[in-house]
Amino acid sequence: MVTKTKDMLEVEELHGEPLEVLLPQLFNEVGGTQRVANKLGVSRNTIYIWCRILGIVTRRGTTVVNGGSESLPPKVS
């Protein structure tokens, strides 16, 4: 079981979803770590730490969550 920080719990309460669901959704919607951080009002480093704590591995073009994989939609220019 993961022990969540006060900041993690506050973001979950604000957005109405657990970070395990919210972070992969945001990566798929807005793209990179900096954009996800901006959307949640936290630093990019915080997003890296949260992903590590929650077991969310991100790679360019793919978000891997607990062994599963979701392809990112193509970027529209």
PDB file of N, CA and C in Angstrom:
ATOM      1  N   MET A   1       0.839  -1.181   0.000  1.00  0.00           N
ATOM      2  CA  MET A   1       0.000   0.000   0.000  1.00  0.00           C
ATOM      3  C   MET A   1       0.887   1.249   0.000  1.00  0.00           C
ATOM      4  N   VAL A   2       0.473   2.246  -0.757  1.00  0.00           N
ATOM      5  CA  VAL A   2       1.217   3.487  -0.887  1.00  0.00           C
ATOM      6  C   VAL A   2       0.702   4.498   0.124  1.00  0.00           C
ATOM      7  N   THR A   3       1.633   5.128   0.832  1.00  0.00           N
ATOM      8  CA  THR A   3       1.269   6.212   1.732  1.00  0.00           C
ATOM      9  C   THR A   3       1.377   7.510   0.949  1.00  0.00           C
ATOM     10  N   LYS A   4       0.268   8.218   0.827  1.00  0.00           N
ATOM     11  CA  LYS A   4       0.238   9.447   0.047  1.00  0.00           C
ATOM     12  C   LYS A   4       0.528  10.653   0.930  1.00  0.00           C
ATOM     13  N   THR A   5       1.199  11.633   0.328  1.00  0.00           N
ATOM     14  CA  THR A   5       1.527  12.863   1.033  1.00  0.00           C
ATOM     15  C   THR A   5       0.288  13.753   1.129  1.00  0.00           C
ATOM     16  N   LYS A   6       0.396  14.761   1.961  1.00  0.00           N
ATOM     17  CA  LYS A   6      -0.688  15.738   2.106  1.00  0.00           C
ATOM     18  C   LYS A   6      -0.998  16.398   0.762  1.00  0.00           C
ATOM     19  N   ASP A   7       0.051  16.757   0.013  1.00  0.00           N
ATOM     20  CA  ASP A   7      -0.150  17.386  -1.295  1.00  0.00           C
ATOM     21  C   ASP A   7      -0.854  16.444  -2.270  1.00  0.00           C
ATOM     22  N   MET A   8      -0.492  15.185  -2.241  1.00  0.00           N
ATOM     23  CA  MET A   8      -1.140  14.206  -3.115  1.00  0.00           C
ATOM     24  C   MET A   8      -2.634  14.125  -2.799  1.00  0.00           C
ATOM     25  N   LEU A   9      -2.949  14.050  -1.520  1.00  0.00           N
ATOM     26  CA  LEU A   9      -4.346  13.961  -1.100  1.00  0.00           C
ATOM     27  C   LEU A   9      -5.125  15.220  -1.463  1.00  0.00           C
ATOM     28  N   GLU A  10      -4.483  16.384  -1.350  1.00  0.00           N
ATOM     29  CA  GLU A  10      -5.145  17.646  -1.707  1.00  0.00           C
ATOM     30  C   GLU A  10      -5.468  17.700  -3.199  1.00  0.00           C
ATOM     31  N   VAL A  11      -4.527  17.260  -4.039  1.00  0.00           N
ATOM     32  CA  VAL A  11      -4.762  17.254  -5.486  1.00  0.00           C
ATOM     33  C   VAL A  11      -5.868  16.268  -5.836  1.00  0.00           C
ATOM     34  N   GLU A  12      -5.870  15.112  -5.201  1.00  0.00           N
ATOM     35  CA  GLU A  12      -6.946  14.137  -5.435  1.00  0.00           C
ATOM     36  C   GLU A  12      -8.299  14.718  -5.053  1.00  0.00           C
ATOM     37  N   GLU A  13      -8.370  15.392  -3.920  1.00  0.00           N
ATOM     38  CA  GLU A  13      -9.631  15.976  -3.472  1.00  0.00           C
ATOM     39  C   GLU A  13     -10.084  17.081  -4.429  1.00  0.00           C
ATOM     40  N   LEU A  14      -9.157  17.914  -4.855  1.00  0.00           N
ATOM     41  CA  LEU A  14      -9.469  19.011  -5.760  1.00  0.00           C
ATOM     42  C   LEU A  14     -10.007  18.521  -7.097  1.00  0.00           C
ATOM     43  N   HIS A  15      -9.432  17.426  -7.615  1.00  0.00           N
ATOM     44  CA  HIS A  15      -9.801  16.919  -8.933  1.00  0.00           C
ATOM     45  C   HIS A  15     -10.800  15.757  -8.881  1.00  0.00           C
ATOM     46  N   GLY A  16     -11.088  15.258  -7.688  1.00  0.00           N
ATOM     47  CA  GLY A  16     -12.110  14.229  -7.535  1.00  0.00           C
ATOM     48  C   GLY A  16     -11.741  12.855  -8.052  1.00  0.00           C
ATOM     49  N   GLU A  17     -10.444  12.590  -8.219  1.00  0.00           N
ATOM     50  CA  GLU A  17      -9.992  11.284  -8.691  1.00  0.00           C
ATOM     51  C   GLU A  17      -8.670  10.932  -8.031  1.00  0.00           C
ATOM     52  N   PRO A  18      -8.408   9.634  -7.845  1.00  0.00           N
ATOM     53  CA  PRO A  18      -7.097   9.247  -7.316  1.00  0.00           C
ATOM     54  C   PRO A  18      -6.012   9.536  -8.346  1.00  0.00           C
ATOM     55  N   LEU A  19      -4.823   9.847  -7.872  1.00  0.00           N
ATOM     56  CA  LEU A  19      -3.705  10.156  -8.768  1.00  0.00           C
ATOM     57  C   LEU A  19      -3.364   8.989  -9.684  1.00  0.00           C
ATOM     58  N   GLU A  20      -3.607   7.770  -9.240  1.00  0.00           N
ATOM     59  CA  GLU A  20      -3.340   6.601 -10.072  1.00  0.00           C
ATOM     60  C   GLU A  20      -4.159   6.640 -11.361  1.00  0.00           C
ATOM     61  N   VAL A  21      -5.311   7.283 -11.313  1.00  0.00           N
ATOM     62  CA  VAL A  21      -6.176   7.450 -12.484  1.00  0.00           C
ATOM     63  C   VAL A  21      -5.881   8.791 -13.161  1.00  0.00           C
ATOM     64  N   LEU A  22      -5.772   9.828 -12.364  1.00  0.00           N
ATOM     65  CA  LEU A  22      -5.628  11.188 -12.867  1.00  0.00           C
ATOM     66  C   LEU A  22      -4.335  11.412 -13.657  1.00  0.00           C
ATOM     67  N   LEU A  23      -3.205  10.958 -13.140  1.00  0.00           N
ATOM     68  CA  LEU A  23      -1.933  11.212 -13.818  1.00  0.00           C
ATOM     69  C   LEU A  23      -1.878  10.590 -15.217  1.00  0.00           C
ATOM     70  N   PRO A  24      -2.203   9.300 -15.393  1.00  0.00           N
ATOM     71  CA  PRO A  24      -2.181   8.753 -16.760  1.00  0.00           C
ATOM     72  C   PRO A  24      -3.144   9.481 -17.704  1.00  0.00           C
ATOM     73  N   GLN A  25      -4.319   9.873 -17.188  1.00  0.00           N
ATOM     74  CA  GLN A  25      -5.267  10.616 -18.018  1.00  0.00           C
ATOM     75  C   GLN A  25      -4.654  11.926 -18.484  1.00  0.00           C
ATOM     76  N   LEU A  26      -4.025  12.644 -17.561  1.00  0.00           N
ATOM     77  CA  LEU A  26      -3.430  13.922 -17.920  1.00  0.00           C
ATOM     78  C   LEU A  26      -2.268  13.759 -18.889  1.00  0.00           C
ATOM     79  N   PHE A  27      -1.427  12.747 -18.693  1.00  0.00           N
ATOM     80  CA  PHE A  27      -0.343  12.503 -19.641  1.00  0.00           C
ATOM     81  C   PHE A  27      -0.911  12.256 -21.035  1.00  0.00           C
ATOM     82  N   ASN A  28      -2.007  11.523 -21.119  1.00  0.00           N
ATOM     83  CA  ASN A  28      -2.621  11.250 -22.414  1.00  0.00           C
ATOM     84  C   ASN A  28      -3.285  12.486 -23.005  1.00  0.00           C
ATOM     85  N   GLU A  29      -3.838  13.354 -22.155  1.00  0.00           N
ATOM     86  CA  GLU A  29      -4.532  14.544 -22.633  1.00  0.00           C
ATOM     87  C   GLU A  29      -3.584  15.689 -22.999  1.00  0.00           C
ATOM     88  N   VAL A  30      -2.645  16.002 -22.119  1.00  0.00           N
ATOM     89  CA  VAL A  30      -1.826  17.203 -22.325  1.00  0.00           C
ATOM     90  C   VAL A  30      -0.386  16.914 -22.707  1.00  0.00           C
ATOM     91  N   GLY A  31       0.059  15.686 -22.563  1.00  0.00           N
ATOM     92  CA  GLY A  31       1.412  15.343 -22.995  1.00  0.00           C
ATOM     93  C   GLY A  31       2.418  15.288 -21.868  1.00  0.00           C
ATOM     94  N   GLY A  32       3.450  16.116 -21.962  1.00  0.00           N
ATOM     95  CA  GLY A  32       4.622  16.012 -21.112  1.00  0.00           C
ATOM     96  C   GLY A  32       4.441  16.336 -19.647  1.00  0.00           C
ATOM     97  N   THR A  33       5.493  16.016 -18.920  1.00  0.00           N
ATOM     98  CA  THR A  33       5.509  16.174 -17.471  1.00  0.00           C
ATOM     99  C   THR A  33       5.287  17.618 -17.052  1.00  0.00           C
ATOM    100  N   GLN A  34       5.900  18.562 -17.744  1.00  0.00           N
ATOM    101  CA  GLN A  34       5.736  19.966 -17.388  1.00  0.00           C
ATOM    102  C   GLN A  34       4.283  20.413 -17.558  1.00  0.00           C
ATOM    103  N   ARG A  35       3.630  19.957 -18.601  1.00  0.00           N
ATOM    104  CA  ARG A  35       2.220  20.317 -18.831  1.00  0.00           C
ATOM    105  C   ARG A  35       1.313  19.713 -17.766  1.00  0.00           C
ATOM    106  N   VAL A  36       1.601  18.469 -17.386  1.00  0.00           N
ATOM    107  CA  VAL A  36       0.824  17.826 -16.312  1.00  0.00           C
ATOM    108  C   VAL A  36       1.022  18.599 -15.011  1.00  0.00           C
ATOM    109  N   ALA A  37       2.260  18.957 -14.724  1.00  0.00           N
ATOM    110  CA  ALA A  37       2.572  19.715 -13.511  1.00  0.00           C
ATOM    111  C   ALA A  37       1.836  21.057 -13.500  1.00  0.00           C
ATOM    112  N   ASN A  38       1.858  21.758 -14.623  1.00  0.00           N
ATOM    113  CA  ASN A  38       1.160  23.039 -14.715  1.00  0.00           C
ATOM    114  C   ASN A  38      -0.332  22.878 -14.478  1.00  0.00           C
ATOM    115  N   LYS A  39      -0.899  21.847 -15.054  1.00  0.00           N
ATOM    116  CA  LYS A  39      -2.341  21.588 -14.908  1.00  0.00           C
ATOM    117  C   LYS A  39      -2.715  21.328 -13.445  1.00  0.00           C
ATOM    118  N   LEU A  40      -1.817  20.654 -12.707  1.00  0.00           N
ATOM    119  CA  LEU A  40      -2.097  20.320 -11.306  1.00  0.00           C
ATOM    120  C   LEU A  40      -1.582  21.367 -10.328  1.00  0.00           C
ATOM    121  N   GLY A  41      -0.817  22.338 -10.821  1.00  0.00           N
ATOM    122  CA  GLY A  41      -0.302  23.391  -9.955  1.00  0.00           C
ATOM    123  C   GLY A  41       0.841  22.949  -9.051  1.00  0.00           C
ATOM    124  N   VAL A  42       1.637  21.997  -9.544  1.00  0.00           N
ATOM    125  CA  VAL A  42       2.799  21.515  -8.797  1.00  0.00           C
ATOM    126  C   VAL A  42       4.020  21.569  -9.709  1.00  0.00           C
ATOM    127  N   SER A  43       5.197  21.285  -9.160  1.00  0.00           N
ATOM    128  CA  SER A  43       6.416  21.310  -9.969  1.00  0.00           C
ATOM    129  C   SER A  43       6.552  20.032 -10.795  1.00  0.00           C
ATOM    130  N   ARG A  44       7.375  20.131 -11.833  1.00  0.00           N
ATOM    131  CA  ARG A  44       7.663  18.963 -12.662  1.00  0.00           C
ATOM    132  C   ARG A  44       8.322  17.866 -11.832  1.00  0.00           C
ATOM    133  N   ASN A  45       9.209  18.260 -10.928  1.00  0.00           N
ATOM    134  CA  ASN A  45       9.872  17.285 -10.067  1.00  0.00           C
ATOM    135  C   ASN A  45       8.858  16.541  -9.195  1.00  0.00           C
ATOM    136  N   THR A  46       7.847  17.251  -8.727  1.00  0.00           N
ATOM    137  CA  THR A  46       6.790  16.622  -7.926  1.00  0.00           C
ATOM    138  C   THR A  46       6.093  15.525  -8.727  1.00  0.00           C
ATOM    139  N   ILE A  47       5.823  15.790 -10.003  1.00  0.00           N
ATOM    140  CA  ILE A  47       5.175  14.781 -10.845  1.00  0.00           C
ATOM    141  C   ILE A  47       6.072  13.551 -10.986  1.00  0.00           C
ATOM    142  N   TYR A  48       7.378  13.761 -11.193  1.00  0.00           N
ATOM    143  CA  TYR A  48       8.302  12.632 -11.266  1.00  0.00           C
ATOM    144  C   TYR A  48       8.276  11.804  -9.977  1.00  0.00           C
ATOM    145  N   ILE A  49       8.286  12.482  -8.850  1.00  0.00           N
ATOM    146  CA  ILE A  49       8.273  11.801  -7.552  1.00  0.00           C
ATOM    147  C   ILE A  49       6.965  11.035  -7.373  1.00  0.00           C
ATOM    148  N   TRP A  50       5.840  11.675  -7.667  1.00  0.00           N
ATOM    149  CA  TRP A  50       4.551  11.011  -7.524  1.00  0.00           C
ATOM    150  C   TRP A  50       4.456   9.777  -8.416  1.00  0.00           C
ATOM    151  N   CYS A  51       4.918   9.885  -9.650  1.00  0.00           N
ATOM    152  CA  CYS A  51       4.884   8.732 -10.551  1.00  0.00           C
ATOM    153  C   CYS A  51       5.725   7.592  -9.993  1.00  0.00           C
ATOM    154  N   ARG A  52       6.893   7.917  -9.452  1.00  0.00           N
ATOM    155  CA  ARG A  52       7.744   6.879  -8.869  1.00  0.00           C
ATOM    156  C   ARG A  52       7.050   6.223  -7.679  1.00  0.00           C
ATOM    157  N   ILE A  53       6.470   7.022  -6.788  1.00  0.00           N
ATOM    158  CA  ILE A  53       5.774   6.501  -5.613  1.00  0.00           C
ATOM    159  C   ILE A  53       4.613   5.595  -6.022  1.00  0.00           C
ATOM    160  N   LEU A  54       3.879   6.005  -7.056  1.00  0.00           N
ATOM    161  CA  LEU A  54       2.670   5.286  -7.462  1.00  0.00           C
ATOM    162  C   LEU A  54       2.929   4.171  -8.474  1.00  0.00           C
ATOM    163  N   GLY A  55       4.182   4.017  -8.904  1.00  0.00           N
ATOM    164  CA  GLY A  55       4.497   2.962  -9.866  1.00  0.00           C
ATOM    165  C   GLY A  55       4.072   3.281 -11.283  1.00  0.00           C
ATOM    166  N   ILE A  56       3.962   4.562 -11.608  1.00  0.00           N
ATOM    167  CA  ILE A  56       3.597   4.989 -12.956  1.00  0.00           C
ATOM    168  C   ILE A  56       4.887   5.320 -13.688  1.00  0.00           C
ATOM    169  N   VAL A  57       5.149   4.595 -14.778  1.00  0.00           N
ATOM    170  CA  VAL A  57       6.355   4.814 -15.562  1.00  0.00           C
ATOM    171  C   VAL A  57       5.948   5.511 -16.844  1.00  0.00           C
ATOM    172  N   THR A  58       6.592   6.636 -17.131  1.00  0.00           N
ATOM    173  CA  THR A  58       6.271   7.358 -18.360  1.00  0.00           C
ATOM    174  C   THR A  58       7.448   7.308 -19.298  1.00  0.00           C
ATOM    175  N   ARG A  59       7.147   7.155 -20.555  1.00  0.00           N
ATOM    176  CA  ARG A  59       8.143   7.182 -21.616  1.00  0.00           C
ATOM    177  C   ARG A  59       7.575   8.002 -22.755  1.00  0.00           C
ATOM    178  N   ARG A  60       8.435   8.543 -23.568  1.00  0.00           N
ATOM    179  CA  ARG A  60       7.977   9.342 -24.704  1.00  0.00           C
ATOM    180  C   ARG A  60       7.036   8.494 -25.569  1.00  0.00           C
ATOM    181  N   GLY A  61       5.813   8.978 -25.732  1.00  0.00           N
ATOM    182  CA  GLY A  61       4.838   8.285 -26.571  1.00  0.00           C
ATOM    183  C   GLY A  61       4.009   7.238 -25.856  1.00  0.00           C
ATOM    184  N   THR A  62       4.365   6.888 -24.606  1.00  0.00           N
ATOM    185  CA  THR A  62       3.642   5.827 -23.905  1.00  0.00           C
ATOM    186  C   THR A  62       3.566   6.144 -22.418  1.00  0.00           C
ATOM    187  N   THR A  63       2.430   5.855 -21.818  1.00  0.00           N
ATOM    188  CA  THR A  63       2.306   5.907 -20.372  1.00  0.00           C
ATOM    189  C   THR A  63       2.045   4.487 -19.902  1.00  0.00           C
ATOM    190  N   VAL A  64       2.906   3.965 -19.048  1.00  0.00           N
ATOM    191  CA  VAL A  64       2.774   2.604 -18.550  1.00  0.00           C
ATOM    192  C   VAL A  64       2.327   2.673 -17.100  1.00  0.00           C
ATOM    193  N   VAL A  65       1.218   2.019 -16.790  1.00  0.00           N
ATOM    194  CA  VAL A  65       0.678   2.033 -15.445  1.00  0.00           C
ATOM    195  C   VAL A  65       0.552   0.611 -14.945  1.00  0.00           C
ATOM    196  N   ASN A  66       1.290   0.286 -13.890  1.00  0.00           N
ATOM    197  CA  ASN A  66       1.219  -1.033 -13.270  1.00  0.00           C
ATOM    198  C   ASN A  66       1.272  -2.163 -14.297  1.00  0.00           C
ATOM    199  N   GLY A  67       2.217  -2.075 -15.222  1.00  0.00           N
ATOM    200  CA  GLY A  67       2.418  -3.142 -16.194  1.00  0.00           C
ATOM    201  C   GLY A  67       1.603  -3.020 -17.450  1.00  0.00           C
ATOM    202  N   GLY A  68       0.543  -2.205 -17.452  1.00  0.00           N
ATOM    203  CA  GLY A  68      -0.258  -2.004 -18.650  1.00  0.00           C
ATOM    204  C   GLY A  68       0.335  -0.885 -19.482  1.00  0.00           C
ATOM    205  N   SER A  69      -0.165  -0.698 -20.680  1.00  0.00           N
ATOM    206  CA  SER A  69       0.375   0.350 -21.540  1.00  0.00           C
ATOM    207  C   SER A  69      -0.747   1.007 -22.312  1.00  0.00           C
ATOM    208  N   GLU A  70      -0.688   2.319 -22.389  1.00  0.00           N
ATOM    209  CA  GLU A  70      -1.647   3.072 -23.178  1.00  0.00           C
ATOM    210  C   GLU A  70      -0.859   3.956 -24.130  1.00  0.00           C
ATOM    211  N   SER A  71      -1.169   3.893 -25.416  1.00  0.00           N
ATOM    212  CA  SER A  71      -0.485   4.762 -26.363  1.00  0.00           C
ATOM    213  C   SER A  71      -1.064   6.158 -26.282  1.00  0.00           C
ATOM    214  N   LEU A  72      -0.209   7.135 -26.413  1.00  0.00           N
ATOM    215  CA  LEU A  72      -0.671   8.518 -26.445  1.00  0.00           C
ATOM    216  C   LEU A  72      -1.270   8.816 -27.792  1.00  0.00           C
ATOM    217  N   PRO A  73      -2.274   9.693 -27.836  1.00  0.00           N
ATOM    218  CA  PRO A  73      -2.822  10.074 -29.141  1.00  0.00           C
ATOM    219  C   PRO A  73      -1.797  10.908 -29.900  1.00  0.00           C
ATOM    220  N   PRO A  74      -1.871  10.911 -31.224  1.00  0.00           N
ATOM    221  CA  PRO A  74      -0.919  11.708 -31.987  1.00  0.00           C
ATOM    222  C   PRO A  74      -1.097  13.195 -31.681  1.00  0.00           C
ATOM    223  N   LYS A  75       0.008  13.925 -31.667  1.00  0.00           N
ATOM    224  CA  LYS A  75      -0.051  15.353 -31.407  1.00  0.00           C
ATOM    225  C   LYS A  75      -0.495  16.079 -32.669  1.00  0.00           C
ATOM    226  N   VAL A  76      -1.398  17.010 -32.492  1.00  0.00           N
ATOM    227  CA  VAL A  76      -1.905  17.804 -33.604  1.00  0.00           C
ATOM    228  C   VAL A  76      -1.142  19.111 -33.629  1.00  0.00           C
ATOM    229  N   SER A  77      -0.549  19.437 -34.768  1.00  0.00           N
ATOM    230  CA  SER A  77       0.227  20.679 -34.879  1.00  0.00           C
ATOM    231  C   SER A  77      -0.625  21.820 -35.356  1.00  0.00           C
TER     232      SER A  77
END
